[in-house]
Each structure stands twice: as C-alpha cells, then as structure tokens.
Amino acid sequence: YLMAIELGNTFVMIDFGDYYRDKDTYDKMSHYYQMAIEMGNYNALMSLGYYYERKRQYQMMEKYYFDALDKGIIEAAYRLALYYKTKREYSQMKKYCLIAI
C-alpha cells in the first residue's frame, strides 16, 4: 500500500484515511485525505465532511461538503440537503435537492 501511495494512487490514500478515521486517529486520517485532495481526488473532501458529520461538528461538515460541491461532487448537495432537512431549513434543503438532481 505504501508503494501505491508513493506512486500517487489517491484511492489508496483515501483508504488509509478511512482506516485512520475508523481508528479515530485524526492526524493520520487528515494527512492521507489531504494528500488525496492535493493530487486532485476530491472524494476525500466528502470523506472529511462525513467524518465531521459523524462527530456532529456541523460547521466543519458544511465547509467540506461545500468544497466538494465546488469541485463538482454532486453527492455533497444531497448530504447538505439531508442536513438542512434535519434543521428544518426547508428553503436550503430545497436548494440543495435541486442541485443534486
């Protein structure tokens, strides 16, 4: 795996990030996700958003989902729509639902 990372395999970087996320080792998780982002794999932004969503750190969650959406990852709009639904912010929910479809 480390050889794949050295060769620039961003999918393995995200796998390592996921592994350390599940181990609740933030520094290593963030390191591997940031490596993937720097190499253009913006799915790592979704992974960071999901991490913060699970931790109920919603301001950080929004930041990463907005960043992912800016990079063209439409799934981020869906995640934001779900979040705004739970907050009963229906105009925001509708906005991001329309982006997601």
C-alpha atoms as a PDB file:
ATOM      1  CA  TYR A   1       0.000   0.000   0.000  1.00  0.00           C
ATOM      2  CA  LEU A   2       2.748   2.445   0.856  1.00  0.00           C
ATOM      3  CA  MET A   3       4.300   1.861  -2.554  1.00  0.00           C
ATOM      4  CA  ALA A   4       0.961   2.690  -4.177  1.00  0.00           C
ATOM      5  CA  ILE A   5       0.861   5.942  -2.216  1.00  0.00           C
ATOM      6  CA  GLU A   6       4.405   6.770  -3.315  1.00  0.00           C
ATOM      7  CA  LEU A   7       3.254   6.196  -6.897  1.00  0.00           C
ATOM      8  CA  GLY A   8       0.403   8.664  -6.375  1.00  0.00           C
ATOM      9  CA  ASN A   9      -2.551   6.308  -6.018  1.00  0.00           C
ATOM     10  CA  THR A  10      -5.142   8.607  -4.452  1.00  0.00           C
ATOM     11  CA  PHE A  11      -7.636   5.785  -3.907  1.00  0.00           C
ATOM     12  CA  VAL A  12      -5.198   4.119  -1.535  1.00  0.00           C
ATOM     13  CA  MET A  13      -4.669   7.462   0.208  1.00  0.00           C
ATOM     14  CA  ILE A  14      -8.412   7.652   0.825  1.00  0.00           C
ATOM     15  CA  ASP A  15      -8.421   4.027   2.014  1.00  0.00           C
ATOM     16  CA  PHE A  16      -5.706   4.897   4.538  1.00  0.00           C
ATOM     17  CA  GLY A  17      -7.685   7.978   5.587  1.00  0.00           C
ATOM     18  CA  ASP A  18     -10.768   5.812   6.093  1.00  0.00           C
ATOM     19  CA  TYR A  19      -8.751   3.319   8.119  1.00  0.00           C
ATOM     20  CA  TYR A  20      -7.458   6.028  10.447  1.00  0.00           C
ATOM     21  CA  ARG A  21     -10.926   7.626  10.616  1.00  0.00           C
ATOM     22  CA  ASP A  22     -12.288   4.320  11.913  1.00  0.00           C
ATOM     23  CA  LYS A  23      -9.408   4.186  14.416  1.00  0.00           C
ATOM     24  CA  ASP A  24     -10.266   7.781  15.442  1.00  0.00           C
ATOM     25  CA  THR A  25      -6.706   8.890  14.677  1.00  0.00           C
ATOM     26  CA  TYR A  26      -7.402  12.364  13.350  1.00  0.00           C
ATOM     27  CA  ASP A  27      -3.869  13.482  12.431  1.00  0.00           C
ATOM     28  CA  LYS A  28      -3.146  10.479  10.230  1.00  0.00           C
ATOM     29  CA  MET A  29      -6.657  10.498   8.776  1.00  0.00           C
ATOM     30  CA  SER A  30      -6.365  14.146   7.831  1.00  0.00           C
ATOM     31  CA  HIS A  31      -2.860  13.633   6.421  1.00  0.00           C
ATOM     32  CA  TYR A  32      -3.951  10.973   3.934  1.00  0.00           C
ATOM     33  CA  TYR A  33      -7.137  12.788   2.930  1.00  0.00           C
ATOM     34  CA  GLN A  34      -5.174  15.997   2.349  1.00  0.00           C
ATOM     35  CA  MET A  35      -2.667  14.093   0.199  1.00  0.00           C
ATOM     36  CA  ALA A  36      -5.511  12.815  -1.980  1.00  0.00           C
ATOM     37  CA  ILE A  37      -7.052  16.291  -2.241  1.00  0.00           C
ATOM     38  CA  GLU A  38      -3.734  17.830  -3.253  1.00  0.00           C
ATOM     39  CA  MET A  39      -3.461  15.243  -6.023  1.00  0.00           C
ATOM     40  CA  GLY A  40      -6.961  16.055  -7.300  1.00  0.00           C
ATOM     41  CA  ASN A  41      -9.108  13.340  -5.741  1.00  0.00           C
ATOM     42  CA  TYR A  42     -11.864  15.466  -4.277  1.00  0.00           C
ATOM     43  CA  ASN A  43     -13.770  12.479  -2.920  1.00  0.00           C
ATOM     44  CA  ALA A  44     -11.546  12.958   0.109  1.00  0.00           C
ATOM     45  CA  LEU A  45     -13.471  16.193   0.750  1.00  0.00           C
ATOM     46  CA  MET A  46     -16.602  14.064   1.093  1.00  0.00           C
ATOM     47  CA  SER A  47     -14.790  11.766   3.482  1.00  0.00           C
ATOM     48  CA  LEU A  48     -13.812  14.713   5.656  1.00  0.00           C
ATOM     49  CA  GLY A  49     -17.359  16.070   5.525  1.00  0.00           C
ATOM     50  CA  TYR A  50     -18.706  12.693   6.569  1.00  0.00           C
ATOM     51  CA  TYR A  51     -16.184  12.494   9.410  1.00  0.00           C
ATOM     52  CA  TYR A  52     -17.304  15.835  10.793  1.00  0.00           C
ATOM     53  CA  GLU A  53     -20.948  14.932  10.290  1.00  0.00           C
ATOM     54  CA  ARG A  54     -20.454  11.832  12.447  1.00  0.00           C
ATOM     55  CA  LYS A  55     -18.661  13.965  15.059  1.00  0.00           C
ATOM     56  CA  ARG A  56     -21.554  16.469  14.979  1.00  0.00           C
ATOM     57  CA  GLN A  57     -19.176  19.272  14.086  1.00  0.00           C
ATOM     58  CA  TYR A  58     -21.582  20.717  11.575  1.00  0.00           C
ATOM     59  CA  GLN A  59     -19.710  23.885  10.714  1.00  0.00           C
ATOM     60  CA  MET A  60     -16.705  21.840   9.563  1.00  0.00           C
ATOM     61  CA  MET A  61     -19.013  19.356   7.845  1.00  0.00           C
ATOM     62  CA  GLU A  62     -20.582  22.157   5.825  1.00  0.00           C
ATOM     63  CA  LYS A  63     -17.160  23.515   4.874  1.00  0.00           C
ATOM     64  CA  TYR A  64     -16.010  20.224   3.376  1.00  0.00           C
ATOM     65  CA  TYR A  65     -19.317  19.477   1.671  1.00  0.00           C
ATOM     66  CA  PHE A  66     -19.324  22.978   0.152  1.00  0.00           C
ATOM     67  CA  ASP A  67     -15.730  22.470  -1.000  1.00  0.00           C
ATOM     68  CA  ALA A  68     -16.690  19.120  -2.546  1.00  0.00           C
ATOM     69  CA  LEU A  69     -19.674  20.696  -4.277  1.00  0.00           C
ATOM     70  CA  ASP A  70     -17.421  23.440  -5.656  1.00  0.00           C
ATOM     71  CA  LYS A  71     -15.261  20.677  -7.150  1.00  0.00           C
ATOM     72  CA  GLY A  72     -18.276  19.126  -8.867  1.00  0.00           C
ATOM     73  CA  ILE A  73     -19.150  16.332  -6.468  1.00  0.00           C
ATOM     74  CA  ILE A  74     -22.941  16.387  -6.604  1.00  0.00           C
ATOM     75  CA  GLU A  75     -23.332  13.922  -3.721  1.00  0.00           C
ATOM     76  CA  ALA A  76     -22.310  16.811  -1.463  1.00  0.00           C
ATOM     77  CA  ALA A  77     -25.524  18.634  -2.407  1.00  0.00           C
ATOM     78  CA  TYR A  78     -27.529  15.599  -1.328  1.00  0.00           C
ATOM     79  CA  ARG A  79     -25.708  15.408   2.015  1.00  0.00           C
ATOM     80  CA  LEU A  80     -26.292  19.128   2.568  1.00  0.00           C
ATOM     81  CA  ALA A  81     -29.986  18.734   1.708  1.00  0.00           C
ATOM     82  CA  LEU A  82     -30.317  15.998   4.321  1.00  0.00           C
ATOM     83  CA  TYR A  83     -28.560  18.158   6.878  1.00  0.00           C
ATOM     84  CA  TYR A  84     -30.822  21.147   6.231  1.00  0.00           C
ATOM     85  CA  LYS A  85     -33.859  18.877   6.442  1.00  0.00           C
ATOM     86  CA  THR A  86     -32.876  17.879   9.988  1.00  0.00           C
ATOM     87  CA  LYS A  87     -32.520  21.569  10.857  1.00  0.00           C
ATOM     88  CA  ARG A  88     -35.931  22.280   9.279  1.00  0.00           C
ATOM     89  CA  GLU A  89     -34.351  24.825   6.973  1.00  0.00           C
ATOM     90  CA  TYR A  90     -36.564  23.838   4.094  1.00  0.00           C
ATOM     91  CA  SER A  91     -35.558  26.555   1.652  1.00  0.00           C
ATOM     92  CA  GLN A  92     -31.922  25.462   1.957  1.00  0.00           C
ATOM     93  CA  MET A  93     -32.976  21.830   1.737  1.00  0.00           C
ATOM     94  CA  LYS A  94     -34.885  22.525  -1.482  1.00  0.00           C
ATOM     95  CA  LYS A  95     -31.971  24.465  -2.935  1.00  0.00           C
ATOM     96  CA  TYR A  96     -29.530  21.594  -2.464  1.00  0.00           C
ATOM     97  CA  CYS A  97     -32.066  18.957  -3.548  1.00  0.00           C
ATOM     98  CA  LEU A  98     -32.456  20.798  -6.840  1.00  0.00           C
ATOM     99  CA  ILE A  99     -28.685  20.907  -7.268  1.00  0.00           C
ATOM    100  CA  ALA A 100     -28.481  17.183  -6.542  1.00  0.00           C
ATOM    101  CA  ILE A 101     -30.938  16.249  -9.281  1.00  0.00           C
END
